[in-house]
C-alpha atoms as a PDB file:
ATOM      1  CA  MET A   1       3.706 -24.726 -18.112  1.00  0.00           C
ATOM      2  CA  THR A   2       1.454 -24.283 -15.058  1.00  0.00           C
ATOM      3  CA  THR A   3      -2.176 -25.216 -15.658  1.00  0.00           C
ATOM      4  CA  PRO A   4      -4.518 -22.232 -15.177  1.00  0.00           C
ATOM      5  CA  ALA A   5      -6.624 -22.424 -12.028  1.00  0.00           C
ATOM      6  CA  ILE A   6      -9.014 -19.724 -13.242  1.00  0.00           C
ATOM      7  CA  VAL A   7      -9.811 -18.801 -16.840  1.00  0.00           C
ATOM      8  CA  VAL A   8     -12.127 -15.941 -17.799  1.00  0.00           C
ATOM      9  CA  ASN A   9     -12.980 -15.372 -21.466  1.00  0.00           C
ATOM     10  CA  ASP A  10     -14.702 -12.205 -22.700  1.00  0.00           C
ATOM     11  CA  LEU A  11     -16.905 -12.193 -19.592  1.00  0.00           C
ATOM     12  CA  SER A  12     -19.549  -9.522 -19.053  1.00  0.00           C
ATOM     13  CA  LYS A  13     -22.073  -9.081 -16.266  1.00  0.00           C
ATOM     14  CA  ARG A  14     -24.963  -6.645 -16.491  1.00  0.00           C
ATOM     15  CA  TYR A  15     -27.457  -6.109 -13.683  1.00  0.00           C
ATOM     16  CA  GLY A  16     -31.057  -5.546 -14.739  1.00  0.00           C
ATOM     17  CA  ASN A  17     -32.157  -5.206 -18.351  1.00  0.00           C
ATOM     18  CA  SER A  18     -30.082  -4.273 -21.394  1.00  0.00           C
ATOM     19  CA  HIS A  19     -29.874  -0.721 -20.065  1.00  0.00           C
ATOM     20  CA  GLY A  20     -28.815  -1.813 -16.576  1.00  0.00           C
ATOM     21  CA  VAL A  21     -25.441  -1.405 -14.876  1.00  0.00           C
ATOM     22  CA  LEU A  22     -22.552  -3.092 -16.712  1.00  0.00           C
ATOM     23  CA  ALA A  23     -20.534  -4.347 -13.745  1.00  0.00           C
ATOM     24  CA  LEU A  24     -18.049  -6.427 -15.778  1.00  0.00           C
ATOM     25  CA  ASP A  25     -17.133  -5.422 -19.304  1.00  0.00           C
ATOM     26  CA  HIS A  26     -15.519  -8.130 -21.494  1.00  0.00           C
ATOM     27  CA  VAL A  27     -13.056  -9.330 -18.841  1.00  0.00           C
ATOM     28  CA  ASN A  28     -10.266 -11.748 -19.823  1.00  0.00           C
ATOM     29  CA  LEU A  29      -8.005 -13.425 -17.258  1.00  0.00           C
ATOM     30  CA  SER A  30      -5.857 -16.536 -16.981  1.00  0.00           C
ATOM     31  CA  ILE A  31      -4.596 -17.221 -13.451  1.00  0.00           C
ATOM     32  CA  ALA A  32      -1.894 -19.852 -13.049  1.00  0.00           C
ATOM     33  CA  GLY A  33      -2.361 -22.573 -10.460  1.00  0.00           C
ATOM     34  CA  GLY A  34      -0.426 -22.263  -7.211  1.00  0.00           C
ATOM     35  CA  THR A  35      -0.049 -18.481  -7.393  1.00  0.00           C
ATOM     36  CA  VAL A  36      -1.354 -15.464  -5.495  1.00  0.00           C
ATOM     37  CA  PHE A  37      -3.212 -13.261  -7.969  1.00  0.00           C
ATOM     38  CA  GLY A  38      -4.330  -9.779  -7.030  1.00  0.00           C
ATOM     39  CA  LEU A  39      -7.358  -7.946  -8.385  1.00  0.00           C
ATOM     40  CA  MET A  40      -6.808  -4.293  -7.525  1.00  0.00           C
ATOM     41  CA  GLY A  41      -9.342  -1.518  -7.918  1.00  0.00           C
ATOM     42  CA  PRO A  42     -11.576   0.987  -6.122  1.00  0.00           C
ATOM     43  CA  ASN A  43     -15.041   0.463  -4.702  1.00  0.00           C
ATOM     44  CA  GLY A  44     -17.493  -0.360  -7.480  1.00  0.00           C
ATOM     45  CA  ALA A  45     -14.779  -1.432  -9.921  1.00  0.00           C
ATOM     46  CA  GLY A  46     -16.209  -4.952 -10.288  1.00  0.00           C
ATOM     47  CA  LYS A  47     -13.965  -6.968  -7.937  1.00  0.00           C
ATOM     48  CA  THR A  48     -16.712  -8.495  -5.814  1.00  0.00           C
ATOM     49  CA  THR A  49     -18.955  -9.004  -8.846  1.00  0.00           C
ATOM     50  CA  LEU A  50     -16.215 -11.100 -10.457  1.00  0.00           C
ATOM     51  CA  ILE A  51     -15.931 -13.252  -7.330  1.00  0.00           C
ATOM     52  CA  LYS A  52     -19.717 -13.719  -7.261  1.00  0.00           C
ATOM     53  CA  VAL A  53     -19.599 -14.881 -10.874  1.00  0.00           C
ATOM     54  CA  LEU A  54     -16.644 -17.218 -10.348  1.00  0.00           C
ATOM     55  CA  THR A  55     -18.246 -18.806  -7.278  1.00  0.00           C
ATOM     56  CA  GLY A  56     -21.575 -19.347  -9.024  1.00  0.00           C
ATOM     57  CA  ILE A  57     -23.545 -16.893  -6.907  1.00  0.00           C
ATOM     58  CA  SER A  58     -24.212 -14.562  -9.828  1.00  0.00           C
ATOM     59  CA  ASP A  59     -25.068 -15.489 -13.420  1.00  0.00           C
ATOM     60  CA  ILE A  60     -22.936 -14.528 -16.405  1.00  0.00           C
ATOM     61  CA  THR A  61     -24.485 -12.198 -18.973  1.00  0.00           C
ATOM     62  CA  SER A  62     -22.029 -13.223 -21.712  1.00  0.00           C
ATOM     63  CA  GLY A  63     -18.694 -14.966 -22.034  1.00  0.00           C
ATOM     64  CA  THR A  64     -17.361 -17.980 -20.114  1.00  0.00           C
ATOM     65  CA  ALA A  65     -15.366 -18.742 -16.971  1.00  0.00           C
ATOM     66  CA  SER A  66     -13.847 -21.838 -15.408  1.00  0.00           C
ATOM     67  CA  VAL A  67     -12.401 -22.543 -11.966  1.00  0.00           C
ATOM     68  CA  ALA A  68     -10.205 -25.576 -11.230  1.00  0.00           C
ATOM     69  CA  GLY A  69     -10.979 -26.819 -14.731  1.00  0.00           C
ATOM     70  CA  PHE A  70     -14.778 -26.694 -14.373  1.00  0.00           C
ATOM     71  CA  ASP A  71     -17.229 -24.360 -16.090  1.00  0.00           C
ATOM     72  CA  VAL A  72     -18.796 -22.077 -13.474  1.00  0.00           C
ATOM     73  CA  GLN A  73     -22.208 -22.189 -15.162  1.00  0.00           C
ATOM     74  CA  LYS A  74     -22.447 -25.765 -16.399  1.00  0.00           C
ATOM     75  CA  GLN A  75     -20.494 -27.462 -13.580  1.00  0.00           C
ATOM     76  CA  SER A  76     -21.227 -25.252 -10.592  1.00  0.00           C
ATOM     77  CA  LEU A  77     -21.336 -28.122  -8.074  1.00  0.00           C
ATOM     78  CA  GLN A  78     -17.842 -29.262  -9.054  1.00  0.00           C
ATOM     79  CA  VAL A  79     -16.601 -25.681  -8.773  1.00  0.00           C
ATOM     80  CA  ARG A  80     -18.116 -25.156  -5.327  1.00  0.00           C
ATOM     81  CA  ALA A  81     -16.521 -28.356  -4.060  1.00  0.00           C
ATOM     82  CA  ARG A  82     -13.083 -26.981  -4.945  1.00  0.00           C
ATOM     83  CA  ILE A  83     -13.210 -23.404  -3.681  1.00  0.00           C
ATOM     84  CA  GLY A  84     -12.853 -21.659  -0.352  1.00  0.00           C
ATOM     85  CA  TRP A  85     -13.836 -18.111   0.500  1.00  0.00           C
ATOM     86  CA  VAL A  86     -12.705 -15.520   3.065  1.00  0.00           C
ATOM     87  CA  ALA A  87     -14.781 -12.386   3.601  1.00  0.00           C
ATOM     88  CA  ALA A  88     -13.935  -8.751   4.162  1.00  0.00           C
ATOM     89  CA  GLU A  89     -15.549  -9.048   7.585  1.00  0.00           C
ATOM     90  CA  VAL A  90     -14.891 -11.961   9.939  1.00  0.00           C
ATOM     91  CA  ILE A  91     -18.222 -13.710  10.441  1.00  0.00           C
ATOM     92  CA  LEU A  92     -18.267 -16.771  12.687  1.00  0.00           C
ATOM     93  CA  GLU A  93     -20.742 -18.339  15.088  1.00  0.00           C
ATOM     94  CA  ASP A  94     -19.740 -16.457  18.251  1.00  0.00           C
ATOM     95  CA  ASP A  95     -21.696 -18.715  20.599  1.00  0.00           C
ATOM     96  CA  PHE A  96     -19.915 -21.786  19.229  1.00  0.00           C
ATOM     97  CA  THR A  97     -16.477 -22.985  20.224  1.00  0.00           C
ATOM     98  CA  THR A  98     -13.665 -23.214  17.697  1.00  0.00           C
ATOM     99  CA  TRP A  99     -14.318 -26.927  17.259  1.00  0.00           C
ATOM    100  CA  GLU A 100     -18.055 -26.403  16.907  1.00  0.00           C
ATOM    101  CA  ASN A 101     -17.461 -23.865  14.121  1.00  0.00           C
ATOM    102  CA  LEU A 102     -15.346 -26.450  12.308  1.00  0.00           C
ATOM    103  CA  TRP A 103     -18.025 -29.110  12.914  1.00  0.00           C
ATOM    104  CA  LEU A 104     -20.668 -26.797  11.424  1.00  0.00           C
ATOM    105  CA  GLN A 105     -18.515 -26.144   8.375  1.00  0.00           C
ATOM    106  CA  ALA A 106     -17.999 -29.878   7.921  1.00  0.00           C
ATOM    107  CA  ARG A 107     -21.749 -30.489   8.146  1.00  0.00           C
ATOM    108  CA  LEU A 108     -22.528 -27.724   5.638  1.00  0.00           C
ATOM    109  CA  GLN A 109     -20.068 -29.191   3.150  1.00  0.00           C
ATOM    110  CA  ASP A 110     -20.752 -32.847   4.003  1.00  0.00           C
ATOM    111  CA  ILE A 111     -17.080 -33.522   4.768  1.00  0.00           C
ATOM    112  CA  LYS A 112     -16.404 -37.010   6.113  1.00  0.00           C
ATOM    113  CA  GLY A 113     -13.497 -37.687   8.454  1.00  0.00           C
ATOM    114  CA  TRP A 114     -12.857 -33.993   8.891  1.00  0.00           C
ATOM    115  CA  GLU A 115     -11.520 -34.177  12.445  1.00  0.00           C
ATOM    116  CA  GLU A 116      -7.893 -34.994  11.579  1.00  0.00           C
ATOM    117  CA  ARG A 117      -7.768 -32.226   8.986  1.00  0.00           C
ATOM    118  CA  ALA A 118      -9.295 -29.801  11.492  1.00  0.00           C
ATOM    119  CA  GLU A 119      -6.663 -30.610  14.117  1.00  0.00           C
ATOM    120  CA  GLN A 120      -3.878 -30.118  11.574  1.00  0.00           C
ATOM    121  CA  LEU A 121      -5.266 -26.723  10.614  1.00  0.00           C
ATOM    122  CA  LEU A 122      -5.667 -25.606  14.220  1.00  0.00           C
ATOM    123  CA  GLN A 123      -2.102 -26.728  14.918  1.00  0.00           C
ATOM    124  CA  TYR A 124      -0.863 -24.785  11.898  1.00  0.00           C
ATOM    125  CA  PHE A 125      -2.679 -21.610  12.971  1.00  0.00           C
ATOM    126  CA  GLY A 126      -1.713 -21.945  16.642  1.00  0.00           C
ATOM    127  CA  LEU A 127      -5.303 -22.434  17.798  1.00  0.00           C
ATOM    128  CA  LEU A 128      -5.277 -26.091  18.876  1.00  0.00           C
ATOM    129  CA  ASP A 129      -5.104 -25.285  22.573  1.00  0.00           C
ATOM    130  CA  ARG A 130      -8.113 -22.947  22.159  1.00  0.00           C
ATOM    131  CA  LYS A 131     -10.381 -25.382  20.307  1.00  0.00           C
ATOM    132  CA  ASP A 132     -12.861 -25.586  23.208  1.00  0.00           C
ATOM    133  CA  ASP A 133     -13.043 -21.803  23.710  1.00  0.00           C
ATOM    134  CA  LYS A 134     -15.986 -19.824  22.413  1.00  0.00           C
ATOM    135  CA  VAL A 135     -15.150 -17.661  19.430  1.00  0.00           C
ATOM    136  CA  SER A 136     -16.627 -14.629  21.188  1.00  0.00           C
ATOM    137  CA  HIS A 137     -13.467 -14.600  23.344  1.00  0.00           C
ATOM    138  CA  TYR A 138     -11.138 -14.433  20.339  1.00  0.00           C
ATOM    139  CA  SER A 139      -9.157 -11.426  19.131  1.00  0.00           C
ATOM    140  CA  THR A 140      -9.696 -10.197  15.583  1.00  0.00           C
ATOM    141  CA  GLY A 141      -6.490 -11.896  14.465  1.00  0.00           C
ATOM    142  CA  MET A 142      -7.524 -15.235  15.954  1.00  0.00           C
ATOM    143  CA  ARG A 143     -10.947 -14.965  14.336  1.00  0.00           C
ATOM    144  CA  LYS A 144      -9.328 -14.343  10.957  1.00  0.00           C
ATOM    145  CA  LYS A 145      -7.140 -17.417  11.436  1.00  0.00           C
ATOM    146  CA  LEU A 146     -10.167 -19.555  12.243  1.00  0.00           C
ATOM    147  CA  GLU A 147     -12.099 -18.270   9.255  1.00  0.00           C
ATOM    148  CA  ILE A 148      -9.214 -19.206   6.967  1.00  0.00           C
ATOM    149  CA  ALA A 149      -9.061 -22.628   8.627  1.00  0.00           C
ATOM    150  CA  LEU A 150     -12.758 -23.084   7.794  1.00  0.00           C
ATOM    151  CA  ALA A 151     -12.060 -22.133   4.174  1.00  0.00           C
ATOM    152  CA  LEU A 152      -9.270 -24.752   4.016  1.00  0.00           C
ATOM    153  CA  LEU A 153     -11.152 -27.557   5.775  1.00  0.00           C
ATOM    154  CA  HIS A 154     -12.355 -29.297   2.601  1.00  0.00           C
ATOM    155  CA  GLN A 155      -8.914 -28.965   0.920  1.00  0.00           C
ATOM    156  CA  PRO A 156      -9.921 -26.520  -1.831  1.00  0.00           C
ATOM    157  CA  THR A 157      -7.921 -25.852  -4.974  1.00  0.00           C
ATOM    158  CA  VAL A 158      -8.717 -22.130  -5.061  1.00  0.00           C
ATOM    159  CA  ILE A 159      -9.388 -19.652  -2.262  1.00  0.00           C
ATOM    160  CA  PHE A 160     -11.096 -16.323  -2.909  1.00  0.00           C
ATOM    161  CA  MET A 161     -10.183 -13.556  -0.467  1.00  0.00           C
ATOM    162  CA  ASP A 162     -12.412 -10.533  -0.961  1.00  0.00           C
ATOM    163  CA  GLU A 163     -10.866  -7.467   0.715  1.00  0.00           C
ATOM    164  CA  PRO A 164      -9.708  -9.619   3.689  1.00  0.00           C
ATOM    165  CA  THR A 165      -7.838  -6.844   5.527  1.00  0.00           C
ATOM    166  CA  ILE A 166     -10.396  -4.026   5.463  1.00  0.00           C
ATOM    167  CA  GLY A 167     -10.729  -2.421   8.880  1.00  0.00           C
ATOM    168  CA  LEU A 168      -7.793  -4.298  10.441  1.00  0.00           C
ATOM    169  CA  ASP A 169      -5.055  -2.546  12.386  1.00  0.00           C
ATOM    170  CA  VAL A 170      -1.559  -2.535  10.910  1.00  0.00           C
ATOM    171  CA  ALA A 171      -0.253  -5.398  13.066  1.00  0.00           C
ATOM    172  CA  THR A 172      -3.211  -7.680  12.274  1.00  0.00           C
ATOM    173  CA  ARG A 173      -3.002  -6.801   8.586  1.00  0.00           C
ATOM    174  CA  ARG A 174       0.685  -7.755   8.514  1.00  0.00           C
ATOM    175  CA  MET A 175      -0.132 -11.002  10.329  1.00  0.00           C
ATOM    176  CA  LEU A 176      -2.725 -11.804   7.675  1.00  0.00           C
ATOM    177  CA  TRP A 177      -0.165 -11.096   4.937  1.00  0.00           C
ATOM    178  CA  ASP A 178       2.105 -13.723   6.507  1.00  0.00           C
ATOM    179  CA  ILE A 179      -0.827 -16.156   6.640  1.00  0.00           C
ATOM    180  CA  VAL A 180      -1.674 -15.644   2.965  1.00  0.00           C
ATOM    181  CA  THR A 181       1.935 -16.287   1.989  1.00  0.00           C
ATOM    182  CA  GLY A 182       2.106 -19.274   4.331  1.00  0.00           C
ATOM    183  CA  ILE A 183      -1.047 -21.079   3.206  1.00  0.00           C
ATOM    184  CA  HIS A 184      -0.137 -20.520  -0.414  1.00  0.00           C
ATOM    185  CA  LYS A 185       3.165 -22.319   0.135  1.00  0.00           C
ATOM    186  CA  GLU A 186       2.033 -24.882   2.739  1.00  0.00           C
ATOM    187  CA  PHE A 187      -1.207 -26.032   1.114  1.00  0.00           C
ATOM    188  CA  GLY A 188      -0.479 -25.274  -2.542  1.00  0.00           C
ATOM    189  CA  VAL A 189      -3.723 -23.383  -3.086  1.00  0.00           C
ATOM    190  CA  THR A 190      -4.298 -20.679  -5.669  1.00  0.00           C
ATOM    191  CA  VAL A 191      -5.336 -17.415  -4.007  1.00  0.00           C
ATOM    192  CA  LEU A 192      -7.408 -14.763  -5.777  1.00  0.00           C
ATOM    193  CA  LEU A 193      -7.113 -11.682  -3.584  1.00  0.00           C
ATOM    194  CA  THR A 194      -9.139  -8.529  -4.161  1.00  0.00           C
ATOM    195  CA  THR A 195      -7.824  -5.360  -2.589  1.00  0.00           C
ATOM    196  CA  HIS A 196      -7.628  -1.606  -2.852  1.00  0.00           C
ATOM    197  CA  TYR A 197      -4.487  -1.466  -0.704  1.00  0.00           C
ATOM    198  CA  ILE A 198      -1.544  -0.761  -3.008  1.00  0.00           C
ATOM    199  CA  GLU A 199       1.097  -2.036  -0.580  1.00  0.00           C
ATOM    200  CA  GLU A 200      -0.885  -5.229  -0.004  1.00  0.00           C
ATOM    201  CA  ALA A 201      -1.005  -6.116  -3.685  1.00  0.00           C
ATOM    202  CA  ASP A 202       2.686  -5.263  -4.048  1.00  0.00           C
ATOM    203  CA  ALA A 203       3.737  -7.401  -1.079  1.00  0.00           C
ATOM    204  CA  LEU A 204       1.617 -10.500  -1.690  1.00  0.00           C
ATOM    205  CA  CYS A 205       0.827 -10.993  -5.347  1.00  0.00           C
ATOM    206  CA  ASP A 206       2.736 -12.835  -8.047  1.00  0.00           C
ATOM    207  CA  ARG A 207       0.623 -11.050 -10.652  1.00  0.00           C
ATOM    208  CA  ILE A 208      -1.924  -8.236 -10.478  1.00  0.00           C
ATOM    209  CA  ALA A 209      -4.803  -7.152 -12.671  1.00  0.00           C
ATOM    210  CA  ILE A 210      -6.003  -3.574 -12.299  1.00  0.00           C
ATOM    211  CA  ILE A 211      -9.768  -3.277 -12.746  1.00  0.00           C
ATOM    212  CA  ASP A 212     -11.658  -0.015 -13.159  1.00  0.00           C
ATOM    213  CA  ARG A 213     -15.334   0.419 -14.049  1.00  0.00           C
ATOM    214  CA  GLY A 214     -15.653  -3.255 -14.886  1.00  0.00           C
ATOM    215  CA  ARG A 215     -12.708  -3.416 -17.294  1.00  0.00           C
ATOM    216  CA  ILE A 216      -9.225  -4.866 -16.854  1.00  0.00           C
ATOM    217  CA  VAL A 217      -6.955  -1.949 -17.726  1.00  0.00           C
ATOM    218  CA  ALA A 218      -3.589  -3.620 -17.022  1.00  0.00           C
ATOM    219  CA  GLU A 219      -2.083  -6.915 -15.889  1.00  0.00           C
ATOM    220  CA  GLY A 220       1.407  -8.066 -14.948  1.00  0.00           C
ATOM    221  CA  THR A 221       3.803  -8.643 -12.096  1.00  0.00           C
ATOM    222  CA  PRO A 222       4.158  -5.734  -9.646  1.00  0.00           C
ATOM    223  CA  SER A 223       7.564  -4.956 -11.178  1.00  0.00           C
ATOM    224  CA  GLU A 224       6.221  -5.041 -14.730  1.00  0.00           C
ATOM    225  CA  LEU A 225       3.370  -2.698 -13.869  1.00  0.00           C
ATOM    226  CA  LYS A 226       5.610  -0.215 -12.070  1.00  0.00           C
ATOM    227  CA  ALA A 227       8.035  -0.268 -14.997  1.00  0.00           C
ATOM    228  CA  ARG A 228       5.246   1.147 -17.181  1.00  0.00           C
ATOM    229  CA  VAL A 229       5.471   4.461 -15.350  1.00  0.00           C
ATOM    230  CA  LYS A 230       8.395   6.562 -16.559  1.00  0.00           C
ATOM    231  CA  SER A 231       7.561   9.673 -14.577  1.00  0.00           C
ATOM    232  CA  ASP A 232       6.982  11.117 -11.107  1.00  0.00           C
ATOM    233  CA  VAL A 233       3.691  12.513  -9.838  1.00  0.00           C
ATOM    234  CA  VAL A 234       3.654  15.781  -7.897  1.00  0.00           C
ATOM    235  CA  SER A 235       0.543  16.516  -5.810  1.00  0.00           C
ATOM    236  CA  LEU A 236       0.064  20.229  -5.254  1.00  0.00           C
ATOM    237  CA  GLU A 237      -2.512  22.263  -3.320  1.00  0.00           C
ATOM    238  CA  THR A 238      -2.596  26.004  -3.909  1.00  0.00           C
ATOM    239  CA  SER A 239      -4.250  28.746  -1.906  1.00  0.00           C
ATOM    240  CA  GLU A 240      -5.865  30.180  -5.012  1.00  0.00           C
ATOM    241  CA  ALA A 241      -6.785  29.093  -8.508  1.00  0.00           C
ATOM    242  CA  LEU A 242      -4.025  28.973 -11.088  1.00  0.00           C
ATOM    243  CA  ASP A 243      -4.064  29.005 -14.857  1.00  0.00           C
ATOM    244  CA  PRO A 244      -3.250  25.363 -15.847  1.00  0.00           C
ATOM    245  CA  SER A 245      -1.094  26.644 -18.693  1.00  0.00           C
ATOM    246  CA  VAL A 246       1.256  28.200 -16.125  1.00  0.00           C
ATOM    247  CA  LEU A 247       2.077  24.729 -14.814  1.00  0.00           C
ATOM    248  CA  SER A 248       1.965  22.884 -18.129  1.00  0.00           C
ATOM    249  CA  LYS A 249       4.569  25.253 -19.626  1.00  0.00           C
ATOM    250  CA  ILE A 250       7.154  24.401 -16.957  1.00  0.00           C
ATOM    251  CA  PRO A 251       9.894  22.289 -18.637  1.00  0.00           C
ATOM    252  CA  GLY A 252       9.599  18.579 -17.832  1.00  0.00           C
ATOM    253  CA  VAL A 253       5.829  18.622 -17.254  1.00  0.00           C
ATOM    254  CA  GLN A 254       4.026  15.824 -19.122  1.00  0.00           C
ATOM    255  CA  GLU A 255       0.452  16.259 -17.902  1.00  0.00           C
ATOM    256  CA  VAL A 256      -1.528  18.496 -15.552  1.00  0.00           C
ATOM    257  CA  ARG A 257      -4.825  17.496 -13.957  1.00  0.00           C
ATOM    258  CA  ALA A 258      -6.790  19.962 -11.833  1.00  0.00           C
ATOM    259  CA  GLN A 259      -9.601  19.654  -9.286  1.00  0.00           C
ATOM    260  CA  GLY A 260     -10.195  23.128  -7.934  1.00  0.00           C
ATOM    261  CA  ASN A 261      -7.018  24.147  -6.142  1.00  0.00           C
ATOM    262  CA  ASP A 262      -5.665  20.569  -6.096  1.00  0.00           C
ATOM    263  CA  TRP A 263      -3.269  19.593  -8.845  1.00  0.00           C
ATOM    264  CA  LEU A 264      -1.754  16.341 -10.049  1.00  0.00           C
ATOM    265  CA  ILE A 265       1.294  17.039 -12.176  1.00  0.00           C
ATOM    266  CA  GLN A 266       3.081  14.277 -14.056  1.00  0.00           C
ATOM    267  CA  VAL A 267       6.730  15.176 -14.588  1.00  0.00           C
ATOM    268  CA  VAL A 268       9.826  13.575 -16.078  1.00  0.00           C
ATOM    269  CA  ALA A 269      11.885  14.082 -12.911  1.00  0.00           C
ATOM    270  CA  SER A 270      10.629  15.707  -9.714  1.00  0.00           C
ATOM    271  CA  GLU A 271      14.174  16.734  -8.727  1.00  0.00           C
ATOM    272  CA  GLU A 272      14.351  18.990 -11.791  1.00  0.00           C
ATOM    273  CA  PHE A 273      10.731  20.114 -11.678  1.00  0.00           C
ATOM    274  CA  LEU A 274      10.515  21.380  -8.094  1.00  0.00           C
ATOM    275  CA  PRO A 275      13.056  24.239  -8.427  1.00  0.00           C
ATOM    276  CA  ARG A 276      11.276  25.312 -11.627  1.00  0.00           C
ATOM    277  CA  LEU A 277       7.925  25.201  -9.845  1.00  0.00           C
ATOM    278  CA  PHE A 278       9.156  27.426  -7.011  1.00  0.00           C
ATOM    279  CA  ALA A 279      10.527  29.847  -9.581  1.00  0.00           C
ATOM    280  CA  THR A 280       7.115  29.989 -11.281  1.00  0.00           C
ATOM    281  CA  VAL A 281       4.624  29.911  -8.372  1.00  0.00           C
ATOM    282  CA  ARG A 282       4.998  32.071  -5.253  1.00  0.00           C
ATOM    283  CA  THR A 283       5.719  30.003  -2.138  1.00  0.00           C
ATOM    284  CA  ASP A 284       2.846  31.695  -0.264  1.00  0.00           C
ATOM    285  CA  GLN A 285       0.486  30.246  -2.902  1.00  0.00           C
ATOM    286  CA  ILE A 286       1.554  26.668  -2.113  1.00  0.00           C
ATOM    287  CA  ARG A 287      -0.281  25.025   0.792  1.00  0.00           C
ATOM    288  CA  ARG A 288       0.892  21.457   0.321  1.00  0.00           C
ATOM    289  CA  ILE A 289       3.200  19.549  -1.968  1.00  0.00           C
ATOM    290  CA  SER A 290       4.241  15.895  -2.173  1.00  0.00           C
ATOM    291  CA  VAL A 291       6.104  13.685  -4.628  1.00  0.00           C
ATOM    292  CA  GLU A 292       5.370  10.090  -5.614  1.00  0.00           C
ATOM    293  CA  LYS A 293       7.913   7.923  -7.378  1.00  0.00           C
ATOM    294  CA  PRO A 294       6.665   5.135  -9.689  1.00  0.00           C
ATOM    295  CA  SER A 295       4.444   2.755  -7.731  1.00  0.00           C
ATOM    296  CA  LEU A 296       1.267   0.756  -8.235  1.00  0.00           C
ATOM    297  CA  GLU A 297      -0.628   3.861  -7.136  1.00  0.00           C
ATOM    298  CA  THR A 298       0.926   5.938  -9.896  1.00  0.00           C
ATOM    299  CA  VAL A 299       0.304   3.117 -12.372  1.00  0.00           C
ATOM    300  CA  PHE A 300      -3.385   3.175 -11.460  1.00  0.00           C
ATOM    301  CA  LEU A 301      -3.461   6.960 -11.612  1.00  0.00           C
ATOM    302  CA  GLN A 302      -1.823   7.026 -15.024  1.00  0.00           C
ATOM    303  CA  LEU A 303      -4.144   4.358 -16.454  1.00  0.00           C
ATOM    304  CA  THR A 304      -7.436   5.620 -15.037  1.00  0.00           C
ATOM    305  CA  GLY A 305      -6.939   9.290 -14.292  1.00  0.00           C
ATOM    306  CA  HIS A 306      -7.944   8.902 -10.634  1.00  0.00           C
ATOM    307  CA  ARG A 307      -6.707   7.358  -7.418  1.00  0.00           C
ATOM    308  CA  ILE A 308      -7.944   4.281  -5.614  1.00  0.00           C
ATOM    309  CA  ALA A 309     -10.156   5.822  -2.933  1.00  0.00           C
ATOM    310  CA  GLU A 310     -10.648   4.365   0.508  1.00  0.00           C
ATOM    311  CA  GLU A 311     -13.739   2.199   0.578  1.00  0.00           C
ATOM    312  CA  GLU A 312     -16.050   0.730   3.145  1.00  0.00           C
ATOM    313  CA  PRO A 313     -16.730  -2.995   3.604  1.00  0.00           C
ATOM    314  CA  MET A 314     -19.696  -4.384   1.704  1.00  0.00           C
ATOM    315  CA  HIS A 315     -22.922  -3.443   3.461  1.00  0.00           C
ATOM    316  CA  ASP A 316     -24.530  -6.734   2.427  1.00  0.00           C
ATOM    317  CA  ILE A 317     -21.589  -8.834   3.640  1.00  0.00           C
ATOM    318  CA  ARG A 318     -23.719 -11.009   5.924  1.00  0.00           C
ATOM    319  CA  LYS A 319     -26.122 -11.760   3.102  1.00  0.00           C
ATOM    320  CA  PHE A 320     -23.181 -12.548   0.830  1.00  0.00           C
ATOM    321  CA  TYR A 321     -21.670 -14.815   3.505  1.00  0.00           C
ATOM    322  CA  ALA A 322     -24.960 -16.686   3.888  1.00  0.00           C
ATOM    323  CA  GLN A 323     -25.093 -17.140   0.102  1.00  0.00           C
ATOM    324  CA  MET A 324     -21.565 -18.523   0.082  1.00  0.00           C
ATOM    325  CA  ARG A 325     -22.289 -20.959   2.879  1.00  0.00           C
ATOM    326  CA  ARG A 326     -25.388 -22.227   1.094  1.00  0.00           C
ATOM    327  CA  ALA A 327     -23.451 -22.449  -2.161  1.00  0.00           C
ATOM    328  CA  ARG A 328     -20.690 -24.530  -0.609  1.00  0.00           C
ATOM    329  CA  SER A 329     -23.083 -26.903   1.172  1.00  0.00           C
END
């Protein structure tokens, strides 16, 4: 049986006093070594808070957690020596060359004999011939590659990737997906990836935990989670308000949720429901209609009652990055 790389037991984190915000609410996780584990949830769900706790940046209110076999509170130095971190936003020293950025990382982490490792990483990422170029001349994709190389320089056991593809174009995002898969296999690291992109979690992760309002509401492989949904979801926008009972009485309807003139209708089979809908509601009342088959999005919707909304990168990302650099040095 694979040894867990990360173990979280009944962990809670509250900001402020006893009446403050409960950011993590009795979280339990066991993440196997050598896997890519996804933590999926909307903005404010607790994803980044969990990473701050696991990296020793933020204290635990109650419960315990260990990373690479070390307690994050009692053995924080041992934990920090074994973790890497990749931010939502690429933050490098633009006035430094590629090699100088690696040198700085080595100095911050007191890595001896780092040069050979650095050359191997640059070779792997296709950046060796650019090692004397200033980072300011790099594309976003190249900058992401270098940041991951920095995170791998000290040969960590676990890498935390907090929303690593926010704001990237489709091509760069796909490139980063290939990198995540590649480093996981090539370097044998455990990756904890936080994301609100459904397709990203589905494509990359061996297992996924869905977090909402600080609580883990489901965990499993992507296939296991999708198998929990036995229905289709029909999104409907009407030109005028309808009586919810009109929709709920249509045969095959399991649940109806309304927000003004927007409707989310959970049905046994959309193919059977749609003709019944058109026979019940006038076509001139329907502005928009779409159908979703079982997916991670519908799993999240069924479990939480709302969708994963688009979110912005952390506003304090530079402060967080500075904290991480100090923590790892």
